[in-house]
Amino acid sequence: ICILFFSIKKKTNIFLCLAAYILILSNIYYTSFSKTILTESFLFSFINLAIAFLFELRKRFNLFFFALCCGIISSLKPIGIPFALILITLAIIQLKKINQVFLIILVFLIPNIIENLFFYSHFDKRETVFKHSVAGKLFILSGKDSFKISDYPENLHELLVVSKKEFKPIHQFLDDIDNIFLRSELLSDYEVVAQYQTFNFQSVKNKFEEKIIFENYSKIFFQILKNNLSDYLMLSLYHYLGNWSIGSKVRFLEKNKKEIPKFQELEKSSGPMNIPSLPLIHLAQYFFIILFFILTLYSLFIILWFCGIINRKLNLELFSLVFLVQSYLILISVTNVSTPRYLMPIYTIVIIVAIEFVKLFHKKNKINS
């Protein structure tokens, strides 16, 4: 983080740099991962380093370590692969010499080759959580009125009839919630329930085998895209919004326990919740919603620029950061669920974008005055 913000200081000033640094350290969702050995905590560090090196690639030292960081990012998590490739693409746009491009690709491959050699020396094949993600999307979508069981293979019909009865009340409950961020956060948790607890429901337990889903998850995923594309895209949109919902469900769950369907299962998927200060949770929620709107405004500006509606010169660095964040969030939203844990790896980048917004606003005020 220190390295990242020293590079920010060159482009802004010490006050904005200090403000950004405080926003990072005061975010417990971000810093708490340092107490837990998770791939996300390593991912945070290498993303910060890669971003710091990305705009200082003139030196061979920076070029080498940028490529190394990208290689490690891609070897840590599946989502790291497209993330690292986007970073490398942004770097190649800046580079002019073909030997620099080859150097990046070569160094990028080294951590991936080492990781694969190490992995396959101990294991025969990789497991994937994507099959659970597909199962969750199938079950949660089966509760919607637009979901037609007859569109799916016959061997799934009996299971889908049961899952439709289980998840239909959940959609009816969520449709009555006005707060879209709260609805998104709860929908994500219910999808986690669908992923890992459906086969434990009394109506499902010991009547159906998980392998009918998990052995054919890739085919089922394409059937979802074919038969329920609009529902799938809407579910992904809710997950995108849910990434920005920090703490909405905490106060809601405490007040409405009796009214919430499958409350016990929902608690399991949410995990234990410590509520030290409701005003602080409110503040965190408003803060992340502000970040969401800043990122959305920048994204809209970029789209209008591409359409030729806005002629103003586009800042390449800012475009790169916004494109990187949006690509990551969209990939997460369409393949998984929403959670602050998935937002945190790119939290520092979002803060940099927000700092640029403040800087732009300050410049306009100076010009007007």
Protein backbone atom coordinates (compact mmCIF):
# COMPACT_ATOMS: atom_id res chain seq x y z
CA ILE A 1 0.00 0.00 0.00
CA CYS A 2 2.89 2.35 0.81
CA ILE A 3 4.47 1.74 -2.61
CA LEU A 4 1.11 2.31 -4.30
CA PHE A 5 0.50 5.62 -2.58
CA PHE A 6 4.01 6.93 -3.18
CA SER A 7 3.13 6.58 -6.87
CA ILE A 8 -0.20 8.40 -6.23
CA LYS A 9 1.65 11.28 -4.56
CA LYS A 10 3.53 12.00 -7.83
CA LYS A 11 0.22 12.62 -9.59
CA THR A 12 -1.77 14.38 -6.85
CA ASN A 13 -0.53 15.88 -3.58
CA ILE A 14 0.37 14.77 -0.07
CA PHE A 15 -3.06 15.67 1.36
CA LEU A 16 -5.05 13.54 -1.10
CA CYS A 17 -2.48 10.77 -0.71
CA LEU A 18 -2.83 10.87 3.09
CA ALA A 19 -6.65 10.89 2.83
CA ALA A 20 -6.54 7.80 0.61
CA TYR A 21 -4.13 6.07 3.00
CA ILE A 22 -6.44 6.72 5.97
CA LEU A 23 -9.44 5.39 4.01
CA ILE A 24 -7.52 2.17 3.41
CA LEU A 25 -6.36 1.64 6.99
CA SER A 26 -9.73 2.52 8.54
CA ASN A 27 -11.60 -0.05 6.40
CA ILE A 28 -11.94 -3.08 8.67
CA TYR A 29 -13.29 -5.20 5.80
CA TYR A 30 -9.95 -4.69 4.06
CA THR A 31 -7.48 -4.85 6.95
CA SER A 32 -9.18 -7.76 8.75
CA PHE A 33 -7.98 -10.14 6.04
CA SER A 34 -4.46 -9.61 7.33
CA LYS A 35 -5.49 -11.69 10.37
CA THR A 36 -6.60 -14.60 8.19
CA ILE A 37 -4.54 -16.66 5.77
CA LEU A 38 -6.70 -16.36 2.66
CA THR A 39 -5.72 -16.12 -0.97
CA GLU A 40 -7.48 -12.72 -0.99
CA SER A 41 -4.93 -11.26 1.44
CA PHE A 42 -2.08 -12.21 -0.92
CA LEU A 43 -4.16 -11.08 -3.88
CA PHE A 44 -4.53 -7.62 -2.28
CA SER A 45 -0.78 -7.12 -2.03
CA PHE A 46 0.13 -8.23 -5.55
CA ILE A 47 -2.70 -6.19 -7.11
CA ASN A 48 -1.43 -3.09 -5.25
CA LEU A 49 2.12 -3.75 -6.41
CA ALA A 50 1.06 -4.45 -10.02
CA ILE A 51 -0.91 -1.18 -10.17
CA ALA A 52 2.06 0.75 -8.72
CA PHE A 53 4.37 -0.71 -11.39
CA LEU A 54 1.83 -0.45 -14.25
CA PHE A 55 2.32 3.27 -14.86
CA GLU A 56 6.07 3.23 -14.26
CA LEU A 57 7.11 0.66 -16.86
CA ARG A 58 9.94 2.69 -18.39
CA LYS A 59 12.45 1.01 -16.07
CA ARG A 60 13.33 -2.64 -16.77
CA PHE A 61 13.19 -3.30 -12.99
CA ASN A 62 9.52 -2.19 -12.86
CA LEU A 63 8.69 -4.13 -16.02
CA PHE A 64 10.09 -7.35 -14.58
CA PHE A 65 8.32 -7.06 -11.23
CA PHE A 66 5.05 -5.97 -12.86
CA ALA A 67 5.05 -9.16 -14.95
CA LEU A 68 6.01 -11.24 -11.90
CA CYS A 69 3.11 -9.75 -9.88
CA CYS A 70 0.70 -10.51 -12.74
CA GLY A 71 1.96 -14.10 -12.89
CA ILE A 72 1.43 -14.57 -9.16
CA ILE A 73 -2.05 -12.96 -9.34
CA SER A 74 -3.09 -15.43 -12.04
CA SER A 75 -1.70 -18.42 -10.11
CA LEU A 76 -3.48 -17.57 -6.83
CA LYS A 77 -7.14 -17.71 -7.91
CA PRO A 78 -9.10 -18.50 -11.11
CA ILE A 79 -10.45 -14.92 -11.19
CA GLY A 80 -6.81 -13.78 -11.13
CA ILE A 81 -6.23 -15.15 -14.64
CA PRO A 82 -8.50 -12.71 -16.55
CA PHE A 83 -7.56 -9.94 -14.09
CA ALA A 84 -3.83 -10.42 -14.81
CA LEU A 85 -4.42 -10.67 -18.56
CA ILE A 86 -6.28 -7.34 -18.51
CA LEU A 87 -3.36 -5.78 -16.60
CA ILE A 88 -0.89 -7.15 -19.15
CA THR A 89 -3.01 -5.86 -22.05
CA LEU A 90 -3.01 -2.38 -20.48
CA ALA A 91 0.77 -2.60 -20.11
CA ILE A 92 1.31 -3.73 -23.73
CA ILE A 93 -0.69 -0.69 -24.94
CA GLN A 94 1.94 1.52 -23.25
CA LEU A 95 4.98 -0.41 -24.50
CA LYS A 96 6.64 0.31 -27.84
CA LYS A 97 9.37 -2.34 -28.04
CA ILE A 98 8.57 -5.95 -28.93
CA ASN A 99 11.34 -7.28 -26.64
CA GLN A 100 9.57 -5.66 -23.65
CA VAL A 101 6.35 -7.47 -24.57
CA PHE A 102 8.22 -10.79 -24.76
CA LEU A 103 9.84 -10.10 -21.38
CA ILE A 104 6.42 -9.51 -19.76
CA ILE A 105 4.96 -12.70 -21.26
CA LEU A 106 8.00 -14.79 -20.25
CA VAL A 107 8.12 -13.56 -16.65
CA PHE A 108 4.31 -13.83 -16.40
CA LEU A 109 4.46 -17.53 -17.33
CA ILE A 110 7.12 -18.44 -14.72
CA PRO A 111 4.88 -18.40 -11.56
CA ASN A 112 2.10 -20.22 -13.46
CA ILE A 113 4.43 -22.98 -14.65
CA ILE A 114 5.91 -23.40 -11.15
CA GLU A 115 2.43 -23.51 -9.56
CA ASN A 116 1.20 -26.12 -12.05
CA LEU A 117 4.28 -28.30 -11.62
CA PHE A 118 3.95 -28.13 -7.85
CA PHE A 119 0.20 -28.81 -7.91
CA TYR A 120 0.26 -31.78 -10.27
CA SER A 121 3.18 -33.36 -8.40
CA HIS A 122 0.76 -33.77 -5.45
CA PHE A 123 -2.69 -34.04 -7.10
CA ASP A 124 -4.18 -35.64 -10.22
CA LYS A 125 -6.78 -33.00 -11.07
CA ARG A 126 -8.15 -29.64 -9.94
CA GLU A 127 -11.51 -29.20 -8.27
CA THR A 128 -13.66 -26.20 -9.16
CA VAL A 129 -16.17 -24.21 -7.13
CA PHE A 130 -17.85 -23.21 -10.39
CA LYS A 131 -19.97 -26.37 -10.27
CA HIS A 132 -21.43 -25.18 -6.94
CA SER A 133 -22.00 -21.76 -8.51
CA VAL A 134 -23.95 -23.34 -11.41
CA ALA A 135 -26.01 -25.44 -8.98
CA GLY A 136 -26.80 -22.32 -6.92
CA LYS A 137 -27.89 -20.35 -9.99
CA LEU A 138 -30.04 -23.24 -11.23
CA PHE A 139 -31.82 -23.70 -7.90
CA ILE A 140 -32.31 -20.01 -7.08
CA LEU A 141 -33.62 -19.27 -10.60
CA SER A 142 -35.94 -22.29 -10.46
CA GLY A 143 -38.03 -20.36 -7.91
CA LYS A 144 -38.97 -17.69 -10.47
CA ASP A 145 -42.26 -17.84 -12.40
CA SER A 146 -40.38 -17.42 -15.70
CA PHE A 147 -38.39 -20.63 -15.06
CA LYS A 148 -39.92 -23.47 -17.09
CA ILE A 149 -38.89 -26.91 -15.84
CA SER A 150 -39.83 -28.50 -19.18
CA ASP A 151 -36.94 -26.59 -20.85
CA TYR A 152 -34.40 -28.66 -18.90
CA PRO A 153 -33.33 -32.34 -19.20
CA GLU A 154 -35.87 -34.88 -18.00
CA ASN A 155 -33.56 -36.32 -15.36
CA LEU A 156 -33.64 -32.91 -13.58
CA HIS A 157 -37.42 -32.41 -13.64
CA GLU A 158 -38.25 -34.07 -10.32
CA LEU A 159 -35.45 -32.20 -8.51
CA LEU A 160 -36.43 -28.87 -10.08
CA VAL A 161 -40.08 -29.32 -9.08
CA VAL A 162 -38.94 -29.59 -5.46
CA SER A 163 -36.39 -26.72 -5.70
CA LYS A 164 -39.07 -24.49 -7.29
CA LYS A 165 -41.30 -25.01 -4.24
CA GLU A 166 -38.37 -24.31 -1.90
CA PHE A 167 -37.15 -21.08 -3.56
CA LYS A 168 -40.40 -19.52 -4.84
CA PRO A 169 -41.27 -18.05 -1.39
CA ILE A 170 -37.78 -16.50 -1.27
CA HIS A 171 -38.36 -14.56 -4.50
CA GLN A 172 -41.78 -13.43 -3.24
CA PHE A 173 -40.13 -12.21 -0.04
CA LEU A 174 -37.30 -10.40 -1.87
CA ASP A 175 -39.70 -8.73 -4.33
CA ASP A 176 -41.33 -6.91 -1.38
CA ILE A 177 -38.03 -5.27 -0.33
CA ASP A 178 -37.69 -1.72 -1.67
CA ASN A 179 -34.01 -1.20 -0.86
CA ILE A 180 -32.23 -2.58 -3.95
CA PHE A 181 -28.86 -2.89 -2.18
CA LEU A 182 -30.42 -4.86 0.69
CA ARG A 183 -32.30 -7.07 -1.79
CA SER A 184 -29.06 -7.71 -3.67
CA GLU A 185 -27.18 -8.62 -0.50
CA LEU A 186 -29.88 -11.03 0.68
CA LEU A 187 -30.26 -12.59 -2.79
CA SER A 188 -26.54 -13.35 -2.79
CA ASP A 189 -26.78 -15.12 0.56
CA TYR A 190 -29.80 -17.09 -0.60
CA GLU A 191 -27.83 -18.20 -3.64
CA VAL A 192 -25.09 -19.45 -1.31
CA VAL A 193 -27.85 -21.39 0.52
CA ALA A 194 -28.86 -22.81 -2.89
CA GLN A 195 -25.24 -23.74 -3.65
CA TYR A 196 -24.38 -25.66 -0.49
CA GLN A 197 -27.58 -26.45 1.45
CA THR A 198 -30.20 -27.46 -1.13
CA PHE A 199 -29.33 -31.16 -0.87
CA ASN A 200 -29.77 -30.91 2.93
CA PHE A 201 -33.40 -29.70 2.71
CA GLN A 202 -35.85 -32.31 4.02
CA SER A 203 -37.70 -32.29 0.69
CA VAL A 204 -34.45 -33.06 -1.16
CA LYS A 205 -32.30 -35.00 1.33
CA ASN A 206 -31.55 -38.63 0.35
CA LYS A 207 -33.97 -38.40 -2.61
CA PHE A 208 -31.62 -36.95 -5.21
CA GLU A 209 -27.90 -37.38 -5.86
CA GLU A 210 -25.66 -34.34 -6.18
CA LYS A 211 -23.77 -35.92 -9.06
CA ILE A 212 -26.67 -35.34 -11.47
CA ILE A 213 -25.81 -31.64 -11.16
CA PHE A 214 -22.06 -31.68 -10.51
CA GLU A 215 -21.16 -34.15 -13.29
CA ASN A 216 -23.02 -32.07 -15.88
CA TYR A 217 -22.54 -28.53 -14.56
CA SER A 218 -21.07 -27.14 -17.80
CA LYS A 219 -24.06 -28.37 -19.86
CA ILE A 220 -26.50 -27.05 -17.27
CA PHE A 221 -24.79 -23.65 -17.31
CA PHE A 222 -25.28 -23.30 -21.08
CA GLN A 223 -28.91 -24.44 -20.68
CA ILE A 224 -29.44 -21.64 -18.15
CA LEU A 225 -27.99 -19.15 -20.65
CA LYS A 226 -30.21 -20.55 -23.40
CA ASN A 227 -33.48 -20.84 -21.46
CA ASN A 228 -33.26 -18.12 -18.79
CA LEU A 229 -30.77 -15.57 -20.11
CA SER A 230 -32.73 -12.51 -18.96
CA ASP A 231 -33.17 -13.96 -15.45
CA TYR A 232 -29.47 -14.86 -15.33
CA LEU A 233 -28.42 -11.34 -16.40
CA MET A 234 -30.75 -9.77 -13.83
CA LEU A 235 -29.31 -12.07 -11.15
CA SER A 236 -25.80 -10.97 -12.20
CA LEU A 237 -26.84 -7.31 -11.99
CA TYR A 238 -28.08 -7.84 -8.44
CA HIS A 239 -24.74 -9.45 -7.58
CA TYR A 240 -22.91 -6.46 -9.06
CA LEU A 241 -24.92 -4.11 -6.81
CA GLY A 242 -24.57 -6.48 -3.86
CA ASN A 243 -20.80 -6.06 -3.89
CA TRP A 244 -21.35 -2.45 -2.80
CA SER A 245 -23.83 -3.30 -0.04
CA ILE A 246 -21.87 -3.25 3.19
CA GLY A 247 -23.97 -4.06 6.25
CA SER A 248 -27.51 -3.55 4.92
CA LYS A 249 -28.65 -6.99 5.99
CA VAL A 250 -27.11 -6.77 9.49
CA ARG A 251 -29.73 -4.47 10.95
CA PHE A 252 -32.46 -5.99 8.76
CA LEU A 253 -31.89 -9.57 9.94
CA GLU A 254 -31.93 -8.53 13.60
CA LYS A 255 -35.33 -6.83 13.25
CA ASN A 256 -37.14 -9.29 10.97
CA LYS A 257 -36.08 -12.79 12.06
CA LYS A 258 -39.62 -14.20 12.16
CA GLU A 259 -40.61 -12.92 8.72
CA ILE A 260 -37.56 -14.20 6.81
CA PRO A 261 -37.91 -17.52 4.94
CA LYS A 262 -35.20 -20.09 5.68
CA PHE A 263 -33.70 -17.84 8.34
CA GLN A 264 -31.52 -20.59 9.89
CA GLU A 265 -30.05 -21.51 6.51
CA LEU A 266 -29.51 -17.83 5.75
CA GLU A 267 -27.59 -17.38 9.01
CA LYS A 268 -25.33 -20.29 8.08
CA SER A 269 -24.53 -18.77 4.70
CA SER A 270 -23.97 -15.30 6.22
CA GLY A 271 -21.71 -16.48 9.02
CA PRO A 272 -21.49 -14.88 12.49
CA MET A 273 -22.21 -11.16 12.60
CA ASN A 274 -20.61 -8.84 15.14
CA ILE A 275 -22.45 -5.50 15.45
CA PRO A 276 -20.23 -3.12 17.45
CA SER A 277 -21.94 0.07 16.26
CA LEU A 278 -25.00 0.52 14.06
CA PRO A 279 -24.14 4.19 13.26
CA LEU A 280 -20.73 2.99 12.05
CA ILE A 281 -22.41 0.39 9.82
CA HIS A 282 -24.68 3.12 8.41
CA LEU A 283 -21.63 5.28 7.70
CA ALA A 284 -19.86 2.39 5.95
CA GLN A 285 -22.94 1.74 3.81
CA TYR A 286 -23.19 5.37 2.69
CA PHE A 287 -19.44 5.50 2.01
CA PHE A 288 -19.50 2.49 -0.32
CA ILE A 289 -22.61 3.74 -2.11
CA ILE A 290 -20.76 7.04 -2.76
CA LEU A 291 -17.82 5.04 -4.20
CA PHE A 292 -20.27 3.10 -6.36
CA PHE A 293 -21.77 6.30 -7.80
CA ILE A 294 -18.32 7.83 -8.47
CA LEU A 295 -17.26 4.69 -10.37
CA THR A 296 -20.57 4.64 -12.27
CA LEU A 297 -20.15 8.31 -13.30
CA TYR A 298 -16.63 7.65 -14.60
CA SER A 299 -17.83 4.56 -16.47
CA LEU A 300 -20.66 6.52 -18.06
CA PHE A 301 -18.18 9.23 -19.09
CA ILE A 302 -15.96 6.61 -20.77
CA ILE A 303 -18.93 5.07 -22.63
CA LEU A 304 -19.99 8.52 -23.89
CA TRP A 305 -16.38 9.17 -24.95
CA PHE A 306 -16.29 5.93 -26.94
CA CYS A 307 -19.61 6.84 -28.60
CA GLY A 308 -18.13 10.20 -29.66
CA ILE A 309 -20.64 12.20 -27.60
CA ILE A 310 -17.86 13.68 -25.43
CA ASN A 311 -14.76 15.05 -27.17
CA ARG A 312 -12.69 15.75 -24.07
CA LYS A 313 -9.28 14.04 -23.91
CA LEU A 314 -9.43 10.77 -21.99
CA ASN A 315 -6.92 10.10 -19.19
CA LEU A 316 -5.36 6.74 -20.12
CA GLU A 317 -4.41 5.87 -16.55
CA LEU A 318 -7.89 6.61 -15.21
CA PHE A 319 -9.51 4.71 -18.08
CA SER A 320 -7.26 1.73 -17.32
CA LEU A 321 -8.22 1.69 -13.64
CA VAL A 322 -11.96 2.05 -14.27
CA PHE A 323 -11.86 -0.62 -16.98
CA LEU A 324 -9.93 -2.95 -14.67
CA VAL A 325 -12.37 -2.52 -11.76
CA GLN A 326 -15.48 -2.92 -13.91
CA SER A 327 -14.08 -5.97 -15.71
CA TYR A 328 -13.28 -7.64 -12.41
CA LEU A 329 -16.70 -6.87 -10.84
CA ILE A 330 -18.60 -8.03 -13.92
CA LEU A 331 -16.62 -11.29 -14.08
CA ILE A 332 -17.33 -11.92 -10.39
CA SER A 333 -21.02 -11.07 -10.80
CA VAL A 334 -21.66 -13.40 -13.75
CA THR A 335 -19.73 -16.37 -12.32
CA ASN A 336 -20.31 -16.15 -8.56
CA VAL A 337 -22.18 -14.17 -5.90
CA SER A 338 -21.64 -10.79 -4.25
CA THR A 339 -19.76 -10.26 -1.00
CA PRO A 340 -17.47 -7.55 0.46
CA ARG A 341 -14.73 -10.19 0.34
CA TYR A 342 -14.78 -10.03 -3.48
CA LEU A 343 -14.85 -6.23 -3.57
CA MET A 344 -11.86 -5.79 -1.27
CA PRO A 345 -9.07 -6.90 -3.70
CA ILE A 346 -9.83 -3.85 -5.88
CA TYR A 347 -10.77 -1.50 -3.03
CA THR A 348 -7.49 0.45 -3.30
CA ILE A 349 -8.07 0.98 -7.04
CA VAL A 350 -11.57 2.32 -6.34
CA ILE A 351 -10.07 4.73 -3.78
CA ILE A 352 -7.57 5.97 -6.41
CA VAL A 353 -10.48 6.57 -8.83
CA ALA A 354 -12.32 8.49 -6.08
CA ILE A 355 -9.18 10.57 -5.39
CA GLU A 356 -9.00 11.41 -9.11
CA PHE A 357 -12.64 12.49 -8.93
CA VAL A 358 -11.86 14.85 -6.01
CA LYS A 359 -8.83 16.16 -7.91
CA LEU A 360 -10.95 16.83 -11.02
CA PHE A 361 -13.64 18.59 -8.96
CA HIS A 362 -10.95 20.71 -7.25
CA LYS A 363 -9.49 21.74 -10.65
CA LYS A 364 -12.92 22.83 -11.91
CA ASN A 365 -13.45 24.98 -8.82
CA LYS A 366 -10.04 26.64 -9.39
CA ILE A 367 -10.88 27.39 -13.04
CA ASN A 368 -14.31 28.83 -12.11
CA SER A 369 -12.82 30.99 -9.37
